[in-house]
Amino acid sequence: MILKIPTLLLKAQAIQGRKTTKCSVKDKKMSVLVLQKVKSQFLNKRP
């Protein structure tokens, strides 16, 4: 799981940083949700 977290973050950040396309608004909203979920999970798993 620890290995998957950075890739998820990178994907989400890449989607956020992408220039406007037809799906950009939807993707940005999704990436924000993914980032929040991943961050909360990551913080919760830390000892």
Protein backbone atom coordinates (compact mmCIF):
# COMPACT_ATOMS: atom_id res chain seq x y z
CA MET A 1 0.00 0.00 0.00
CA ILE A 2 2.86 2.37 0.84
CA LEU A 3 4.21 1.92 -2.69
CA LYS A 4 0.84 2.71 -4.24
CA ILE A 5 0.27 5.97 -2.35
CA PRO A 6 2.94 8.06 -4.16
CA THR A 7 1.72 6.91 -7.58
CA LEU A 8 -1.86 7.85 -6.68
CA LEU A 9 -0.67 11.25 -5.49
CA LEU A 10 1.37 11.77 -8.64
CA LYS A 11 -1.57 10.81 -10.84
CA ALA A 12 -3.91 13.11 -8.95
CA GLN A 13 -1.43 15.99 -9.08
CA ALA A 14 -0.83 15.40 -12.79
CA ILE A 15 -4.58 15.59 -13.39
CA GLN A 16 -4.79 18.81 -11.35
CA GLY A 17 -1.86 20.37 -13.21
CA ARG A 18 -3.17 19.47 -16.64
CA LYS A 19 -4.29 22.26 -18.95
CA THR A 20 -8.02 22.68 -19.47
CA THR A 21 -9.64 19.94 -21.52
CA LYS A 22 -13.22 18.79 -21.89
CA CYS A 23 -12.93 16.59 -18.80
CA SER A 24 -10.58 18.81 -16.77
CA VAL A 25 -13.20 20.09 -14.32
CA LYS A 26 -14.46 16.60 -13.58
CA ASP A 27 -10.90 15.25 -13.32
CA LYS A 28 -9.85 18.05 -10.99
CA LYS A 29 -12.77 17.37 -8.67
CA MET A 30 -11.95 13.66 -8.69
CA SER A 31 -8.25 14.28 -8.09
CA VAL A 32 -9.01 16.55 -5.14
CA LEU A 33 -11.16 13.81 -3.61
CA VAL A 34 -8.45 11.22 -4.28
CA LEU A 35 -5.79 13.45 -2.72
CA GLN A 36 -7.89 14.01 0.40
CA LYS A 37 -8.64 10.29 0.77
CA VAL A 38 -5.04 9.24 0.18
CA LYS A 39 -3.65 11.87 2.54
CA SER A 40 -6.07 10.93 5.31
CA GLN A 41 -5.31 7.21 4.88
CA PHE A 42 -1.57 7.88 4.82
CA LEU A 43 -1.70 10.02 7.96
CA ASN A 44 -3.90 7.50 9.77
CA LYS A 45 -1.47 4.65 9.04
CA ARG A 46 1.54 6.46 10.47
CA PRO A 47 2.53 5.25 13.94
